[in-house]
Amino acid sequence: MDGMLMQKLVPHYVKKPWARTDLPPIFAAAGAGRQIGEVRFESADGADMPLLVKYIFTSDRLSIQVHPDNAQAVDKGLLRGKDEIWYSSIASSARRWALA
């Protein structure tokens, strides 16, 4: 991990139309009574980060977005594309995943 720096990320609470008010205990105090759809973790100094880390809170159905890879993003004038991984940590027993 030469050249990689470790830094503490700060949470940024984001209101979304599909958000919830009943957040898990680790986020409950900061989001108390607010309709929070996601908590993004960002660099404390506002620097661009190569990795997006966020928790999503919803009880509604959401679509999965497809993002450009690096070559497609650069072609469109963006800095880089997005590689993604999804991990579902908490869900009701009625959860369904549908891929088309």
N, C-alpha and C. Protein backbone atom coordinates (compact mmCIF):
# COMPACT_ATOMS: atom_id res chain seq x y z
N MET A 1 0.83 -1.19 0.00
CA MET A 1 0.00 0.00 0.00
C MET A 1 0.87 1.25 0.00
N ASP A 2 1.99 1.18 -0.69
CA ASP A 2 2.84 2.35 -0.81
C ASP A 2 2.10 3.48 -1.48
N GLY A 3 2.26 4.69 -0.94
CA GLY A 3 1.65 5.86 -1.53
C GLY A 3 0.20 6.08 -1.16
N MET A 4 -0.42 5.13 -0.46
CA MET A 4 -1.82 5.29 -0.06
C MET A 4 -1.86 5.88 1.34
N LEU A 5 -2.70 6.86 1.50
CA LEU A 5 -2.87 7.49 2.79
C LEU A 5 -4.19 7.05 3.41
N MET A 6 -4.17 6.92 4.71
CA MET A 6 -5.39 6.60 5.41
C MET A 6 -5.99 7.91 5.92
N GLN A 7 -7.29 8.05 5.80
CA GLN A 7 -7.93 9.24 6.33
C GLN A 7 -9.30 8.91 6.87
N LYS A 8 -9.72 9.71 7.82
CA LYS A 8 -11.04 9.53 8.40
C LYS A 8 -12.07 10.21 7.49
N LEU A 9 -13.13 9.47 7.18
CA LEU A 9 -14.19 10.01 6.34
C LEU A 9 -15.29 10.58 7.23
N VAL A 10 -15.94 11.62 6.74
CA VAL A 10 -17.01 12.25 7.51
C VAL A 10 -18.35 11.94 6.84
N PRO A 11 -19.39 11.69 7.64
CA PRO A 11 -20.69 11.37 7.07
C PRO A 11 -21.41 12.61 6.55
N HIS A 12 -22.11 12.45 5.46
CA HIS A 12 -22.93 13.50 4.87
C HIS A 12 -24.33 12.90 4.71
N TYR A 13 -25.30 13.44 5.43
CA TYR A 13 -26.66 12.91 5.42
C TYR A 13 -27.45 13.56 4.28
N VAL A 14 -28.09 12.72 3.45
CA VAL A 14 -28.78 13.21 2.25
C VAL A 14 -30.26 12.83 2.30
N LYS A 15 -31.11 13.83 2.14
CA LYS A 15 -32.56 13.60 2.08
C LYS A 15 -32.90 13.10 0.68
N LYS A 16 -33.74 12.09 0.60
CA LYS A 16 -34.20 11.53 -0.67
C LYS A 16 -35.72 11.32 -0.59
N PRO A 17 -36.42 11.33 -1.73
CA PRO A 17 -37.88 11.12 -1.70
C PRO A 17 -38.28 9.77 -1.14
N TRP A 18 -37.44 8.78 -1.27
CA TRP A 18 -37.74 7.42 -0.81
C TRP A 18 -37.11 7.13 0.56
N ALA A 19 -36.72 8.15 1.26
CA ALA A 19 -35.96 8.01 2.50
C ALA A 19 -36.79 7.47 3.67
N ARG A 20 -36.09 7.23 4.76
CA ARG A 20 -36.71 6.73 6.00
C ARG A 20 -36.36 7.66 7.15
N THR A 21 -37.13 7.58 8.22
CA THR A 21 -36.82 8.32 9.44
C THR A 21 -36.32 7.39 10.54
N ASP A 22 -36.53 6.08 10.38
CA ASP A 22 -36.09 5.10 11.37
C ASP A 22 -34.75 4.48 10.93
N LEU A 23 -33.67 5.16 11.26
CA LEU A 23 -32.34 4.72 10.86
C LEU A 23 -31.74 3.76 11.87
N PRO A 24 -30.78 2.95 11.46
CA PRO A 24 -30.09 2.07 12.41
C PRO A 24 -29.43 2.89 13.52
N PRO A 25 -29.25 2.30 14.69
CA PRO A 25 -28.72 3.03 15.85
C PRO A 25 -27.44 3.83 15.58
N ILE A 26 -26.54 3.32 14.77
CA ILE A 26 -25.28 4.01 14.53
C ILE A 26 -25.50 5.37 13.85
N PHE A 27 -26.62 5.53 13.12
CA PHE A 27 -26.91 6.78 12.43
C PHE A 27 -28.07 7.55 13.05
N ALA A 28 -28.76 6.94 14.00
CA ALA A 28 -30.02 7.49 14.51
C ALA A 28 -29.88 8.88 15.14
N ALA A 29 -28.84 9.12 15.92
CA ALA A 29 -28.70 10.41 16.60
C ALA A 29 -28.56 11.56 15.61
N ALA A 30 -27.70 11.42 14.63
CA ALA A 30 -27.46 12.49 13.66
C ALA A 30 -28.65 12.67 12.72
N GLY A 31 -29.39 11.60 12.47
CA GLY A 31 -30.51 11.69 11.54
C GLY A 31 -31.86 11.78 12.23
N ALA A 32 -31.87 11.98 13.55
CA ALA A 32 -33.10 11.95 14.34
C ALA A 32 -34.19 12.85 13.77
N GLY A 33 -35.32 12.22 13.44
CA GLY A 33 -36.48 12.96 12.96
C GLY A 33 -36.35 13.46 11.53
N ARG A 34 -35.25 13.22 10.89
CA ARG A 34 -35.03 13.68 9.52
C ARG A 34 -35.28 12.54 8.55
N GLN A 35 -35.72 12.87 7.37
CA GLN A 35 -35.95 11.87 6.33
C GLN A 35 -34.64 11.68 5.57
N ILE A 36 -33.89 10.64 5.93
CA ILE A 36 -32.57 10.39 5.36
C ILE A 36 -32.64 9.22 4.39
N GLY A 37 -32.16 9.42 3.17
CA GLY A 37 -32.15 8.37 2.17
C GLY A 37 -30.79 7.72 2.02
N GLU A 38 -29.74 8.49 2.31
CA GLU A 38 -28.40 7.91 2.24
C GLU A 38 -27.45 8.69 3.13
N VAL A 39 -26.45 7.98 3.58
CA VAL A 39 -25.34 8.60 4.29
C VAL A 39 -24.11 8.30 3.46
N ARG A 40 -23.54 9.36 2.88
CA ARG A 40 -22.30 9.26 2.10
C ARG A 40 -21.14 9.61 2.99
N PHE A 41 -20.04 8.96 2.79
CA PHE A 41 -18.83 9.27 3.54
C PHE A 41 -17.85 9.97 2.62
N GLU A 42 -17.40 11.15 3.03
CA GLU A 42 -16.57 11.99 2.19
C GLU A 42 -15.28 12.36 2.90
N SER A 43 -14.34 12.84 2.14
CA SER A 43 -13.08 13.31 2.70
C SER A 43 -13.35 14.57 3.53
N ALA A 44 -12.72 14.67 4.69
CA ALA A 44 -12.93 15.82 5.57
C ALA A 44 -12.51 17.13 4.90
N ASP A 45 -11.54 17.07 4.00
CA ASP A 45 -11.07 18.30 3.34
C ASP A 45 -11.76 18.57 2.01
N GLY A 46 -12.77 17.75 1.66
CA GLY A 46 -13.52 17.95 0.42
C GLY A 46 -12.81 17.45 -0.83
N ALA A 47 -11.68 16.78 -0.67
CA ALA A 47 -10.94 16.28 -1.82
C ALA A 47 -11.73 15.18 -2.54
N ASP A 48 -11.51 15.09 -3.85
CA ASP A 48 -12.15 14.04 -4.65
C ASP A 48 -11.63 12.68 -4.20
N MET A 49 -12.53 11.74 -4.04
CA MET A 49 -12.15 10.41 -3.59
C MET A 49 -12.38 9.40 -4.72
N PRO A 50 -11.50 8.43 -4.89
CA PRO A 50 -11.67 7.43 -5.94
C PRO A 50 -12.71 6.36 -5.58
N LEU A 51 -13.20 6.39 -4.35
CA LEU A 51 -14.16 5.38 -3.90
C LEU A 51 -15.32 6.08 -3.21
N LEU A 52 -16.53 5.71 -3.59
CA LEU A 52 -17.73 6.25 -2.95
C LEU A 52 -18.24 5.20 -1.97
N VAL A 53 -18.39 5.61 -0.73
CA VAL A 53 -18.91 4.72 0.32
C VAL A 53 -20.20 5.34 0.83
N LYS A 54 -21.29 4.56 0.77
CA LYS A 54 -22.55 5.09 1.28
C LYS A 54 -23.48 3.97 1.73
N TYR A 55 -24.33 4.34 2.66
CA TYR A 55 -25.42 3.48 3.11
C TYR A 55 -26.70 4.06 2.53
N ILE A 56 -27.59 3.18 2.05
CA ILE A 56 -28.87 3.61 1.50
C ILE A 56 -29.98 3.08 2.41
N PHE A 57 -30.93 3.97 2.74
CA PHE A 57 -32.05 3.61 3.61
C PHE A 57 -33.36 3.85 2.88
N THR A 58 -34.09 2.77 2.63
CA THR A 58 -35.37 2.89 1.94
C THR A 58 -36.29 1.74 2.32
N SER A 59 -37.56 1.97 2.17
CA SER A 59 -38.53 0.88 2.28
C SER A 59 -39.27 0.77 0.95
N ASP A 60 -38.87 1.58 -0.03
CA ASP A 60 -39.45 1.56 -1.37
C ASP A 60 -38.56 0.75 -2.31
N ARG A 61 -39.12 0.40 -3.44
CA ARG A 61 -38.34 -0.27 -4.48
C ARG A 61 -37.44 0.76 -5.15
N LEU A 62 -36.22 0.38 -5.41
CA LEU A 62 -35.27 1.25 -6.10
C LEU A 62 -34.71 0.54 -7.32
N SER A 63 -34.42 1.32 -8.34
CA SER A 63 -33.78 0.73 -9.51
C SER A 63 -32.27 0.72 -9.30
N ILE A 64 -31.61 -0.18 -9.96
CA ILE A 64 -30.15 -0.22 -9.92
C ILE A 64 -29.64 0.56 -11.13
N GLN A 65 -28.80 1.53 -10.87
CA GLN A 65 -28.27 2.39 -11.92
C GLN A 65 -27.03 1.76 -12.55
N VAL A 66 -26.85 1.98 -13.83
CA VAL A 66 -25.67 1.51 -14.53
C VAL A 66 -24.81 2.73 -14.83
N HIS A 67 -23.54 2.67 -14.46
CA HIS A 67 -22.64 3.80 -14.63
C HIS A 67 -21.56 3.47 -15.66
N PRO A 68 -20.98 4.51 -16.27
CA PRO A 68 -19.94 4.28 -17.28
C PRO A 68 -18.65 3.75 -16.68
N ASP A 69 -17.92 2.98 -17.49
CA ASP A 69 -16.59 2.56 -17.05
C ASP A 69 -15.62 3.72 -17.30
N ASN A 70 -14.35 3.55 -16.98
CA ASN A 70 -13.38 4.64 -17.11
C ASN A 70 -13.29 5.19 -18.53
N ALA A 71 -13.21 4.31 -19.52
CA ALA A 71 -13.08 4.76 -20.91
C ALA A 71 -14.30 5.57 -21.35
N GLN A 72 -15.49 5.09 -21.02
CA GLN A 72 -16.71 5.81 -21.39
C GLN A 72 -16.79 7.16 -20.67
N ALA A 73 -16.40 7.20 -19.41
CA ALA A 73 -16.46 8.44 -18.65
C ALA A 73 -15.49 9.48 -19.20
N VAL A 74 -14.26 9.07 -19.48
CA VAL A 74 -13.26 10.00 -20.02
C VAL A 74 -13.72 10.53 -21.38
N ASP A 75 -14.34 9.68 -22.18
CA ASP A 75 -14.86 10.08 -23.48
C ASP A 75 -15.93 11.16 -23.34
N LYS A 76 -16.64 11.16 -22.22
CA LYS A 76 -17.70 12.15 -21.96
C LYS A 76 -17.18 13.36 -21.18
N GLY A 77 -15.85 13.41 -20.94
CA GLY A 77 -15.26 14.55 -20.24
C GLY A 77 -15.25 14.43 -18.73
N LEU A 78 -15.53 13.24 -18.21
CA LEU A 78 -15.51 13.02 -16.76
C LEU A 78 -14.15 12.52 -16.32
N LEU A 79 -13.87 12.65 -15.05
CA LEU A 79 -12.58 12.23 -14.50
C LEU A 79 -12.39 10.72 -14.57
N ARG A 80 -13.41 9.96 -14.20
CA ARG A 80 -13.33 8.50 -14.21
C ARG A 80 -14.74 7.92 -14.14
N GLY A 81 -14.83 6.63 -14.42
CA GLY A 81 -16.09 5.92 -14.34
C GLY A 81 -16.34 5.43 -12.92
N LYS A 82 -17.27 4.50 -12.81
CA LYS A 82 -17.61 3.95 -11.50
C LYS A 82 -17.63 2.44 -11.55
N ASP A 83 -16.82 1.82 -10.73
CA ASP A 83 -16.92 0.39 -10.47
C ASP A 83 -17.78 0.27 -9.23
N GLU A 84 -18.66 -0.72 -9.19
CA GLU A 84 -19.59 -0.80 -8.07
C GLU A 84 -19.67 -2.20 -7.49
N ILE A 85 -19.97 -2.22 -6.22
CA ILE A 85 -20.32 -3.45 -5.53
C ILE A 85 -21.46 -3.10 -4.57
N TRP A 86 -22.43 -3.96 -4.49
CA TRP A 86 -23.57 -3.75 -3.59
C TRP A 86 -23.53 -4.84 -2.53
N TYR A 87 -23.76 -4.42 -1.30
CA TYR A 87 -23.82 -5.36 -0.19
C TYR A 87 -25.05 -5.01 0.63
N SER A 88 -25.98 -5.92 0.75
CA SER A 88 -27.19 -5.69 1.52
C SER A 88 -26.96 -6.21 2.92
N SER A 89 -26.91 -5.29 3.88
CA SER A 89 -26.58 -5.70 5.25
C SER A 89 -27.81 -5.87 6.14
N ILE A 90 -28.86 -5.11 5.87
CA ILE A 90 -30.08 -5.21 6.67
C ILE A 90 -31.26 -5.16 5.71
N ALA A 91 -32.14 -6.12 5.82
CA ALA A 91 -33.31 -6.11 4.95
C ALA A 91 -34.43 -6.88 5.60
N SER A 92 -35.64 -6.55 5.21
CA SER A 92 -36.79 -7.29 5.73
C SER A 92 -36.86 -8.64 5.01
N SER A 93 -37.67 -9.52 5.54
CA SER A 93 -37.81 -10.84 4.92
C SER A 93 -38.54 -10.74 3.58
N ALA A 94 -39.15 -9.59 3.29
CA ALA A 94 -39.87 -9.41 2.04
C ALA A 94 -38.97 -8.87 0.92
N ARG A 95 -37.69 -8.74 1.19
CA ARG A 95 -36.75 -8.20 0.21
C ARG A 95 -36.70 -9.08 -1.04
N ARG A 96 -36.65 -8.43 -2.19
CA ARG A 96 -36.52 -9.15 -3.46
C ARG A 96 -35.50 -8.43 -4.32
N TRP A 97 -34.68 -9.19 -4.99
CA TRP A 97 -33.74 -8.64 -5.98
C TRP A 97 -34.22 -9.10 -7.34
N ALA A 98 -34.28 -8.17 -8.27
CA ALA A 98 -34.69 -8.51 -9.64
C ALA A 98 -33.66 -7.93 -10.60
N LEU A 99 -33.05 -8.80 -11.38
CA LEU A 99 -32.09 -8.34 -12.38
C LEU A 99 -32.61 -8.70 -13.75
N ALA A 100 -32.51 -7.73 -14.65
CA ALA A 100 -32.99 -7.97 -16.01
C ALA A 100 -31.87 -7.83 -17.00
